[in-house]
Amino acid sequence: MQPRLFNTLTRTVEPFEPMDGATVRMYTCGPTVHDYAHIGNFRAYVFEDLLRRVLKFHGWDVRQVMNLTDVDDKTIRKSRAAGLPLREYTARYTTAFFEDLDALRIERAEHYPAATAHVPDMIRLIERLIAGGYAYKSDDGSVYFRIERFPAYGRLARLDLSGLKPGARVAQDEYEKEHVGDFALWKAWDEADGDVAWDSPWGRGRPGWHIECSAMSMRYLGESFDIHTGGQDNIFPHHEDEIAQSEAATGRPLARFWLHCAHLIVEGRKMSKSLNNFFTLRDLLQRGWTGREVRYVLLGTHYRQSLNFTFDSLGAARAALRRLDEFRERLETVAAGASPGAAPEWAAGARAAFHDALADDLNISGALGVLFDLVRDGHRAMDANALAPAGAAAVLALLDEWDRVLAVLRPDGDGEEDGEAAVQELLRRREVARAARDWAEADRLRAEIAARGWIVQDTPQGPKLRRR
């Protein structure tokens, strides 16, 4: 069944297929690396991981870009408070972010561009906007986008702009709807920026937050692509501003589909440090929960529904995963190493139902319902000695097929190999560290690769591996 996805732009569920019929080009808003990511952030990243896996499950290739915001108001303010250079400060949290992705079994995107590595792209985009009359330089050397020149402004967030004060300027990166106005594309340097600045045609300064994603998405995906995702809090101002500056420059739709996940709350309340209910993934791991259990909770509620994260839900996840592990162990005993044969009728029907549920706007509740119906039917068949070894092997193969989407059906450490695939993953992480200019982490990963018997050769075509 062709996937159907809810498009925030149209507020309708629409059939989806990639523009070229083969490769889905997808941009996902990544972390601002000023601190450890919290479980609300990872709710969005797990949703995007499910989307990526479902698209691949349908037979398409996926080219995903997730940005790393390593320069903005927060990163500058916190790095200066810590007394560290911006690069050194953000490298710590960039490394932590990728470690957290691994703990949650989130597949790596094809590209993780860091904002500081793409400032020339941003400058060129701003120049296009100024040349087209969509942007202007202020007296202090900052550059603003003139939203009254873009009549479609506000359509994604369904904003009422009738009371907009023309010429009002918003200098900060994040702001509320009542502060809508011309937003900063380039910020002139001031003392609060310290040594963080780049030369531009308008003087020393740095890019605004919103221009970063437009420039990097165009760099890696082209001026128009298939899907743009994020949390609901990104709709305004961030995604609204992305649309305006991108489409004003190119005259083309930035993305065909916009998908947003709802908020995460904790124990029925908004997550807040003042309420003592603010958790990073690391907080939960230190309490004895596993990344697999946290993923199961973040995965289990439909992405457009608010997720109430509780410790009871973590306990329920642990019990559900134990039940799945016991089912797999029982199947393995029955299969006794047999090759997969024809799947039992109840398993073949489950396969189609699982596929259809996920095609229905990522209906994860329906898909998990199918999974546990399969567990029930499988136990009944084994209780009645009605499942042959080849049939049990076929059900195990089905679980492995589904786990390419869910990534929770194998216990931690099961199926991992300390071979070439593992070394390739280390190489990928080294490239991420190099892109973030985290040279210490890149060197550490190179040493780990060497310890496994491989040598990294950096070539003009990219890094190559050869056995030592």
Protein backbone atom coordinates (compact mmCIF):
# COMPACT_ATOMS: atom_id res chain seq x y z
CA MET A 1 0.00 0.00 0.00
CA GLN A 2 1.30 3.47 -0.88
CA PRO A 3 2.17 5.43 2.27
CA ARG A 4 -0.12 8.24 3.32
CA LEU A 5 1.29 11.06 5.43
CA PHE A 6 -0.24 14.06 7.20
CA ASN A 7 1.08 17.21 5.55
CA THR A 8 1.14 20.16 7.96
CA LEU A 9 1.12 22.52 4.98
CA THR A 10 -2.28 21.32 3.75
CA ARG A 11 -3.59 19.87 7.05
CA THR A 12 -4.59 16.69 5.19
CA VAL A 13 -3.36 13.10 4.87
CA GLU A 14 -1.94 12.70 1.37
CA PRO A 15 -0.47 9.80 -0.62
CA PHE A 16 3.31 10.05 -0.70
CA GLU A 17 5.97 9.02 -3.15
CA PRO A 18 9.34 10.66 -3.84
CA MET A 19 9.59 13.17 -6.66
CA ASP A 20 11.96 10.99 -8.67
CA GLY A 21 10.17 7.78 -7.76
CA ALA A 22 13.26 6.24 -6.19
CA THR A 23 14.99 8.37 -3.53
CA VAL A 24 13.31 10.29 -0.73
CA ARG A 25 15.16 13.52 -0.01
CA MET A 26 14.41 14.48 3.58
CA TYR A 27 15.58 17.26 5.86
CA THR A 28 15.23 16.90 9.63
CA CYS A 29 15.90 19.68 12.09
CA GLY A 30 18.70 18.50 14.35
CA PRO A 31 20.01 19.56 17.73
CA THR A 32 21.39 22.85 18.91
CA VAL A 33 24.52 21.49 20.53
CA HIS A 34 24.56 23.71 23.61
CA ASP A 35 23.71 20.95 26.13
CA TYR A 36 22.74 17.29 26.36
CA ALA A 37 19.58 16.59 24.37
CA HIS A 38 16.50 15.86 26.50
CA ILE A 39 13.83 13.23 25.96
CA GLY A 40 11.54 15.78 24.31
CA ASN A 41 14.17 16.29 21.64
CA PHE A 42 14.54 12.55 21.20
CA ARG A 43 10.80 12.13 20.79
CA ALA A 44 11.23 14.03 17.50
CA TYR A 45 14.36 12.14 16.49
CA VAL A 46 12.75 8.74 17.14
CA PHE A 47 9.71 9.80 15.09
CA GLU A 48 11.99 10.83 12.24
CA ASP A 49 13.87 7.56 12.54
CA LEU A 50 10.59 5.64 12.25
CA LEU A 51 9.64 7.69 9.20
CA ARG A 52 13.03 7.02 7.58
CA ARG A 53 12.76 3.28 8.27
CA VAL A 54 9.19 3.07 6.95
CA LEU A 55 10.17 4.82 3.73
CA LYS A 56 13.02 2.34 3.29
CA PHE A 57 10.63 -0.50 4.17
CA HIS A 58 8.57 0.55 1.14
CA GLY A 59 11.62 0.04 -1.07
CA TRP A 60 12.83 3.61 -1.51
CA ASP A 61 16.29 4.93 -0.85
CA VAL A 62 16.49 7.79 1.63
CA ARG A 63 18.89 10.71 1.56
CA GLN A 64 18.49 12.36 4.93
CA VAL A 65 20.12 15.55 6.15
CA MET A 66 20.10 16.52 9.83
CA ASN A 67 21.74 19.81 10.71
CA LEU A 68 23.88 20.49 13.75
CA THR A 69 23.31 24.04 15.00
CA ASP A 70 26.66 24.92 16.52
CA VAL A 71 26.31 28.69 16.38
CA ASP A 72 23.32 30.67 17.65
CA ASP A 73 22.38 32.81 20.62
CA LYS A 74 22.43 29.86 23.07
CA THR A 75 25.69 28.26 22.00
CA ILE A 76 27.54 31.58 22.10
CA ARG A 77 26.10 32.57 25.46
CA LYS A 78 26.85 29.22 27.10
CA SER A 79 30.32 28.81 25.63
CA ARG A 80 31.30 32.23 26.93
CA ALA A 81 29.85 31.43 30.36
CA ALA A 82 31.93 28.23 30.38
CA GLY A 83 35.05 30.13 29.30
CA LEU A 84 35.55 27.86 26.30
CA PRO A 85 35.97 28.55 22.57
CA LEU A 86 32.71 27.91 20.72
CA ARG A 87 34.19 24.99 18.76
CA GLU A 88 35.46 23.23 21.87
CA TYR A 89 32.21 23.80 23.77
CA THR A 90 29.90 22.49 21.05
CA ALA A 91 32.15 19.53 20.17
CA ARG A 92 31.48 18.01 23.59
CA TYR A 93 27.71 17.99 23.05
CA THR A 94 27.98 16.95 19.42
CA THR A 95 29.84 13.82 20.49
CA ALA A 96 27.28 13.18 23.25
CA PHE A 97 24.44 13.54 20.76
CA PHE A 98 25.78 10.77 18.54
CA GLU A 99 26.35 8.53 21.53
CA ASP A 100 22.70 9.06 22.48
CA LEU A 101 21.56 8.25 18.94
CA ASP A 102 23.40 4.95 19.19
CA ALA A 103 21.80 4.18 22.56
CA LEU A 104 18.36 4.74 21.04
CA ARG A 105 19.18 2.69 17.94
CA ILE A 106 18.51 5.65 15.66
CA GLU A 107 19.88 5.12 12.15
CA ARG A 108 22.44 7.62 11.00
CA ALA A 109 21.43 10.20 8.40
CA GLU A 110 23.52 10.50 5.26
CA HIS A 111 24.66 14.03 6.15
CA TYR A 112 25.13 15.96 9.41
CA PRO A 113 26.22 19.42 8.28
CA ALA A 114 27.44 21.77 10.98
CA ALA A 115 26.30 25.37 10.64
CA THR A 116 29.77 26.81 11.19
CA ALA A 117 31.08 24.84 8.20
CA HIS A 118 28.49 26.37 5.83
CA VAL A 119 28.58 30.10 6.52
CA PRO A 120 29.67 30.87 2.90
CA ASP A 121 26.51 29.09 1.66
CA MET A 122 24.43 31.27 3.96
CA ILE A 123 26.11 34.45 2.76
CA ARG A 124 25.41 33.54 -0.87
CA LEU A 125 21.75 32.89 -0.08
CA ILE A 126 21.42 36.22 1.72
CA GLU A 127 22.97 37.95 -1.29
CA ARG A 128 20.27 36.42 -3.51
CA LEU A 129 17.56 37.70 -1.18
CA ILE A 130 19.00 41.23 -1.12
CA ALA A 131 19.30 41.24 -4.91
CA GLY A 132 15.65 40.21 -5.20
CA GLY A 133 14.46 42.92 -2.83
CA TYR A 134 13.44 40.48 -0.11
CA ALA A 135 16.10 41.51 2.39
CA TYR A 136 17.72 44.75 3.49
CA LYS A 137 20.69 45.90 5.52
CA SER A 138 20.01 47.83 8.71
CA ASP A 139 22.10 50.69 10.02
CA ASP A 140 24.10 48.44 12.34
CA GLY A 141 25.13 46.04 9.57
CA SER A 142 22.56 43.35 10.26
CA VAL A 143 20.41 42.00 7.42
CA TYR A 144 16.66 41.35 7.77
CA PHE A 145 14.09 39.50 5.68
CA ARG A 146 11.21 41.77 4.63
CA ILE A 147 8.16 39.56 5.22
CA GLU A 148 5.68 41.97 3.60
CA ARG A 149 7.39 41.15 0.28
CA PHE A 150 6.43 37.48 0.68
CA PRO A 151 2.60 37.29 0.58
CA ALA A 152 2.50 33.60 1.51
CA TYR A 153 4.17 34.25 4.86
CA GLY A 154 2.24 32.55 7.65
CA ARG A 155 0.56 29.80 5.62
CA LEU A 156 2.33 26.90 7.38
CA ALA A 157 1.48 28.15 10.88
CA ARG A 158 -1.90 29.61 9.76
CA LEU A 159 -0.95 33.01 11.14
CA ASP A 160 -3.29 35.99 11.04
CA LEU A 161 -1.05 38.83 9.90
CA SER A 162 -3.76 41.48 9.70
CA GLY A 163 -2.37 43.27 12.75
CA LEU A 164 1.25 43.08 11.67
CA LYS A 165 3.21 46.26 12.13
CA PRO A 166 5.22 46.77 8.92
CA GLY A 167 8.93 47.16 9.48
CA ALA A 168 8.97 45.64 12.97
CA ARG A 169 12.23 43.75 13.46
CA VAL A 170 12.98 40.62 15.45
CA ALA A 171 16.67 40.21 16.20
CA GLN A 172 16.63 37.13 18.45
CA ASP A 173 16.58 33.63 17.01
CA GLU A 174 13.47 32.43 18.84
CA TYR A 175 10.33 34.44 19.39
CA GLU A 176 6.61 34.09 19.98
CA LYS A 177 3.84 34.62 17.44
CA GLU A 178 2.92 38.03 18.81
CA HIS A 179 6.44 39.20 17.94
CA VAL A 180 6.17 38.34 14.26
CA GLY A 181 8.08 40.73 12.08
CA ASP A 182 11.11 41.05 9.81
CA PHE A 183 13.59 38.47 11.05
CA ALA A 184 17.37 38.51 11.10
CA LEU A 185 19.28 36.74 8.34
CA TRP A 186 22.63 38.15 9.42
CA LYS A 187 23.52 39.63 12.79
CA ALA A 188 26.14 42.31 13.04
CA TRP A 189 28.84 41.53 15.58
CA ASP A 190 28.48 42.92 19.08
CA GLU A 191 30.42 42.40 22.30
CA ALA A 192 28.16 39.55 23.43
CA ASP A 193 29.44 37.46 20.49
CA GLY A 194 33.05 37.53 21.71
CA ASP A 195 35.31 36.07 19.03
CA VAL A 196 32.48 34.41 17.09
CA ALA A 197 32.23 36.27 13.78
CA TRP A 198 32.72 35.91 10.03
CA ASP A 199 33.44 38.47 7.35
CA SER A 200 30.58 39.26 4.97
CA PRO A 201 29.66 41.93 2.41
CA TRP A 202 27.78 43.68 5.25
CA GLY A 203 30.63 43.56 7.75
CA ARG A 204 31.66 41.23 10.55
CA GLY A 205 28.88 39.16 12.05
CA ARG A 206 27.20 35.78 12.08
CA PRO A 207 24.17 34.12 10.49
CA GLY A 208 20.73 34.07 12.08
CA TRP A 209 19.40 30.67 13.10
CA HIS A 210 16.74 30.33 10.39
CA ILE A 211 19.02 30.92 7.39
CA GLU A 212 21.21 28.01 8.45
CA CYS A 213 18.68 25.30 7.61
CA SER A 214 17.71 26.86 4.29
CA ALA A 215 21.31 27.05 3.11
CA MET A 216 22.24 23.55 4.24
CA SER A 217 19.10 21.84 2.94
CA MET A 218 19.67 23.39 -0.50
CA ARG A 219 23.35 22.41 -0.41
CA TYR A 220 22.65 18.71 0.12
CA LEU A 221 19.11 18.17 -1.24
CA GLY A 222 18.58 20.85 -3.88
CA GLU A 223 16.25 23.81 -3.94
CA SER A 224 13.13 21.64 -3.66
CA PHE A 225 12.89 18.28 -1.91
CA ASP A 226 10.38 15.73 -0.61
CA ILE A 227 9.98 15.99 3.17
CA HIS A 228 10.88 18.42 5.94
CA THR A 229 10.30 17.37 9.54
CA GLY A 230 10.58 18.65 13.08
CA GLY A 231 8.63 19.16 16.28
CA GLN A 232 5.48 21.24 16.45
CA ASP A 233 7.46 23.98 18.17
CA ASN A 234 9.48 24.36 14.94
CA ILE A 235 6.44 25.33 12.86
CA PHE A 236 6.71 28.95 13.95
CA PRO A 237 8.92 30.80 13.65
CA HIS A 238 11.62 28.47 12.36
CA HIS A 239 9.92 26.58 9.55
CA GLU A 240 7.79 29.54 8.55
CA ASP A 241 10.93 31.61 8.14
CA GLU A 242 12.69 28.80 6.28
CA ILE A 243 9.88 28.68 3.73
CA ALA A 244 9.88 32.44 3.25
CA GLN A 245 13.61 32.92 2.71
CA SER A 246 14.03 29.76 0.61
CA GLU A 247 11.09 30.22 -1.70
CA ALA A 248 11.73 33.95 -2.08
CA ALA A 249 15.23 33.12 -3.30
CA THR A 250 14.34 30.23 -5.62
CA GLY A 251 10.70 30.68 -6.62
CA ARG A 252 10.21 26.95 -5.91
CA PRO A 253 8.49 25.08 -3.04
CA LEU A 254 11.08 24.22 -0.42
CA ALA A 255 9.47 20.91 0.57
CA ARG A 256 6.40 19.06 -0.68
CA PHE A 257 5.54 17.51 2.69
CA TRP A 258 5.96 18.98 6.16
CA LEU A 259 5.66 16.55 9.07
CA HIS A 260 5.66 17.58 12.73
CA CYS A 261 5.45 15.54 15.92
CA ALA A 262 3.51 16.67 18.97
CA HIS A 263 4.99 17.64 22.32
CA LEU A 264 6.23 15.34 25.03
CA ILE A 265 5.07 15.88 28.59
CA VAL A 266 6.31 14.12 31.73
CA GLU A 267 3.93 12.61 34.27
CA GLY A 268 1.13 14.76 32.84
CA ARG A 269 3.00 18.07 33.11
CA LYS A 270 5.15 20.17 30.83
CA MET A 271 8.79 19.17 31.20
CA SER A 272 10.63 21.80 33.22
CA LYS A 273 13.70 21.93 35.41
CA SER A 274 11.70 23.95 37.94
CA LEU A 275 9.23 21.05 38.25
CA ASN A 276 12.07 18.56 38.65
CA ASN A 277 10.74 16.51 35.73
CA PHE A 278 13.36 17.44 33.13
CA PHE A 279 15.31 14.42 31.88
CA THR A 280 18.07 13.87 29.40
CA LEU A 281 18.56 10.38 28.00
CA ARG A 282 21.65 10.12 30.19
CA ASP A 283 19.57 10.78 33.29
CA LEU A 284 17.38 7.80 32.46
CA LEU A 285 20.31 5.52 31.63
CA GLN A 286 21.89 6.38 34.97
CA ARG A 287 18.66 5.30 36.68
CA GLY A 288 19.03 1.86 35.16
CA TRP A 289 16.75 2.09 32.14
CA THR A 290 18.08 1.05 28.75
CA GLY A 291 18.09 2.93 25.46
CA ARG A 292 15.95 0.14 24.02
CA GLU A 293 13.29 0.69 26.72
CA VAL A 294 13.32 4.46 26.25
CA ARG A 295 13.03 4.01 22.47
CA TYR A 296 10.01 1.75 22.95
CA VAL A 297 8.23 4.44 24.98
CA LEU A 298 9.11 7.24 22.56
CA LEU A 299 8.07 5.08 19.63
CA GLY A 300 4.78 3.77 20.99
CA THR A 301 2.54 6.85 20.72
CA HIS A 302 1.48 8.17 17.31
CA TYR A 303 3.69 11.08 16.36
CA ARG A 304 0.82 13.57 16.07
CA GLN A 305 -0.44 12.80 19.58
CA SER A 306 1.06 14.29 22.71
CA LEU A 307 3.21 11.72 24.50
CA ASN A 308 2.91 11.45 28.28
CA PHE A 309 6.27 10.06 29.39
CA THR A 310 6.06 8.32 32.79
CA PHE A 311 8.17 5.92 34.76
CA ASP A 312 5.21 3.55 34.73
CA SER A 313 5.42 3.59 30.94
CA LEU A 314 9.10 2.66 31.17
CA GLY A 315 8.17 -0.25 33.41
CA ALA A 316 5.50 -1.34 30.93
CA ALA A 317 8.07 -1.11 28.13
CA ARG A 318 10.44 -3.35 30.07
CA ALA A 319 7.66 -5.92 30.54
CA ALA A 320 6.60 -5.76 26.88
CA LEU A 321 10.16 -6.22 25.66
CA ARG A 322 10.67 -9.14 28.02
CA ARG A 323 7.56 -10.74 26.52
CA LEU A 324 8.94 -10.24 23.02
CA ASP A 325 12.32 -11.68 24.02
CA GLU A 326 10.67 -14.76 25.51
CA PHE A 327 8.66 -15.25 22.32
CA ARG A 328 11.81 -15.06 20.21
CA GLU A 329 13.62 -17.52 22.48
CA ARG A 330 10.75 -19.98 22.21
CA LEU A 331 10.69 -19.67 18.42
CA GLU A 332 14.44 -20.27 18.27
CA THR A 333 14.00 -23.45 20.30
CA VAL A 334 11.31 -24.71 17.94
CA ALA A 335 13.21 -23.65 14.82
CA ALA A 336 16.34 -25.45 16.02
CA GLY A 337 18.42 -23.91 13.24
CA ALA A 338 15.99 -24.78 10.42
CA SER A 339 15.81 -22.64 7.28
CA PRO A 340 12.65 -20.52 6.86
CA GLY A 341 9.81 -22.24 5.05
CA ALA A 342 6.32 -21.05 4.24
CA ALA A 343 4.96 -18.72 6.90
CA PRO A 344 1.87 -19.92 8.79
CA GLU A 345 -1.36 -18.32 7.63
CA TRP A 346 -1.66 -16.24 10.80
CA ALA A 347 1.86 -14.86 10.27
CA ALA A 348 1.29 -14.10 6.58
CA GLY A 349 -1.85 -12.14 7.47
CA ALA A 350 0.06 -10.26 10.17
CA ARG A 351 2.72 -9.23 7.69
CA ALA A 352 0.16 -7.49 5.46
CA ALA A 353 -1.59 -5.86 8.43
CA PHE A 354 1.70 -4.53 9.85
CA HIS A 355 2.62 -3.04 6.48
CA ASP A 356 -0.81 -1.43 6.07
CA ALA A 357 -0.76 0.09 9.56
CA LEU A 358 2.55 1.84 9.00
CA ALA A 359 1.44 3.04 5.56
CA ASP A 360 -1.45 4.80 7.32
CA ASP A 361 0.45 7.89 8.48
CA LEU A 362 2.85 5.80 10.60
CA ASN A 363 0.09 4.18 12.66
CA ILE A 364 2.48 2.72 15.21
CA SER A 365 -0.28 1.71 17.63
CA GLY A 366 -1.82 -0.43 14.91
CA ALA A 367 1.55 -1.93 14.00
CA LEU A 368 2.37 -2.81 17.62
CA GLY A 369 -1.12 -4.30 17.97
CA VAL A 370 -0.38 -6.56 15.01
CA LEU A 371 2.95 -7.52 16.60
CA PHE A 372 1.40 -8.64 19.87
CA ASP A 373 -1.40 -10.44 18.05
CA LEU A 374 1.38 -12.36 16.29
CA VAL A 375 2.92 -13.19 19.68
CA ARG A 376 -0.42 -14.49 20.96
CA ASP A 377 -1.06 -16.58 17.84
CA GLY A 378 2.49 -17.90 17.85
CA HIS A 379 2.28 -19.07 21.46
CA ARG A 380 -1.04 -20.78 20.74
CA ALA A 381 0.47 -22.60 17.77
CA MET A 382 3.49 -23.71 19.78
CA ASP A 383 1.31 -24.77 22.72
CA ALA A 384 -0.61 -26.99 20.31
CA ASN A 385 2.60 -28.34 18.71
CA ALA A 386 1.23 -26.91 15.44
CA LEU A 387 4.32 -24.96 14.40
CA ALA A 388 6.99 -26.81 12.44
CA PRO A 389 10.68 -25.80 12.65
CA ALA A 390 10.58 -24.24 9.17
CA GLY A 391 7.46 -22.28 10.14
CA ALA A 392 9.11 -21.04 13.34
CA ALA A 393 12.12 -19.96 11.31
CA ALA A 394 9.77 -18.06 8.97
CA VAL A 395 8.24 -16.21 11.93
CA LEU A 396 11.72 -15.34 13.20
CA ALA A 397 12.54 -13.96 9.75
CA LEU A 398 9.34 -11.91 9.90
CA LEU A 399 10.37 -10.44 13.27
CA ASP A 400 13.75 -9.49 11.78
CA GLU A 401 11.96 -7.84 8.86
CA TRP A 402 9.78 -5.82 11.22
CA ASP A 403 12.75 -4.89 13.36
CA ARG A 404 14.22 -3.02 10.40
CA VAL A 405 11.40 -0.58 11.16
CA LEU A 406 10.92 -0.85 14.93
CA ALA A 407 14.52 -1.47 16.08
CA VAL A 408 13.38 -2.84 19.44
CA LEU A 409 12.89 -6.55 18.74
CA ARG A 410 16.43 -7.70 19.51
CA PRO A 411 17.98 -7.54 22.97
CA ASP A 412 20.96 -5.26 23.50
CA GLY A 413 24.09 -6.79 22.00
CA ASP A 414 22.22 -9.44 20.00
CA GLY A 415 23.44 -9.73 16.43
CA GLU A 416 26.26 -7.18 16.73
CA GLU A 417 29.52 -8.03 14.97
CA ASP A 418 32.98 -6.71 15.66
CA GLY A 419 33.77 -6.83 11.97
CA GLU A 420 33.87 -4.57 8.96
CA ALA A 421 30.34 -3.23 9.51
CA ALA A 422 31.28 -2.09 13.01
CA VAL A 423 34.45 -0.46 11.69
CA GLN A 424 32.46 1.33 8.97
CA GLU A 425 30.24 2.76 11.71
CA LEU A 426 33.30 4.02 13.58
CA LEU A 427 34.49 5.62 10.35
CA ARG A 428 31.13 7.34 9.93
CA ARG A 429 31.32 8.67 13.48
CA ARG A 430 34.85 9.93 12.80
CA GLU A 431 33.58 11.88 9.78
CA VAL A 432 30.84 13.41 11.94
CA ALA A 433 33.43 14.44 14.51
CA ARG A 434 35.64 15.96 11.80
CA ALA A 435 32.67 17.89 10.39
CA ALA A 436 32.08 19.27 13.88
CA ARG A 437 35.83 20.04 14.16
CA ASP A 438 36.06 17.78 17.19
CA TRP A 439 39.60 16.72 16.37
CA ALA A 440 40.18 14.94 19.68
CA GLU A 441 37.18 12.68 19.12
CA ALA A 442 38.20 12.10 15.49
CA ASP A 443 41.66 11.04 16.62
CA ARG A 444 40.21 8.77 19.29
CA LEU A 445 37.98 7.05 16.73
CA ARG A 446 40.89 6.66 14.33
CA ALA A 447 42.87 4.97 17.10
CA GLU A 448 39.94 2.65 17.87
CA ILE A 449 39.71 1.73 14.18
CA ALA A 450 43.43 0.99 14.17
CA ALA A 451 43.06 -1.17 17.27
CA ARG A 452 40.58 -3.30 15.33
CA GLY A 453 43.15 -3.91 12.61
CA TRP A 454 42.21 -1.23 10.05
CA ILE A 455 43.94 1.86 8.65
CA VAL A 456 42.13 5.03 7.60
CA GLN A 457 43.42 6.72 4.46
CA ASP A 458 42.05 10.25 3.89
CA THR A 459 41.79 10.86 0.14
CA PRO A 460 40.29 13.64 -2.01
CA GLN A 461 37.36 11.29 -2.59
CA GLY A 462 36.81 10.77 1.13
CA PRO A 463 38.20 8.39 3.76
CA LYS A 464 39.07 4.85 2.73
CA LEU A 465 39.60 1.76 4.89
CA ARG A 466 42.15 -0.98 4.38
CA ARG A 467 43.15 -3.85 6.61
CA ARG A 468 46.44 -3.46 8.42
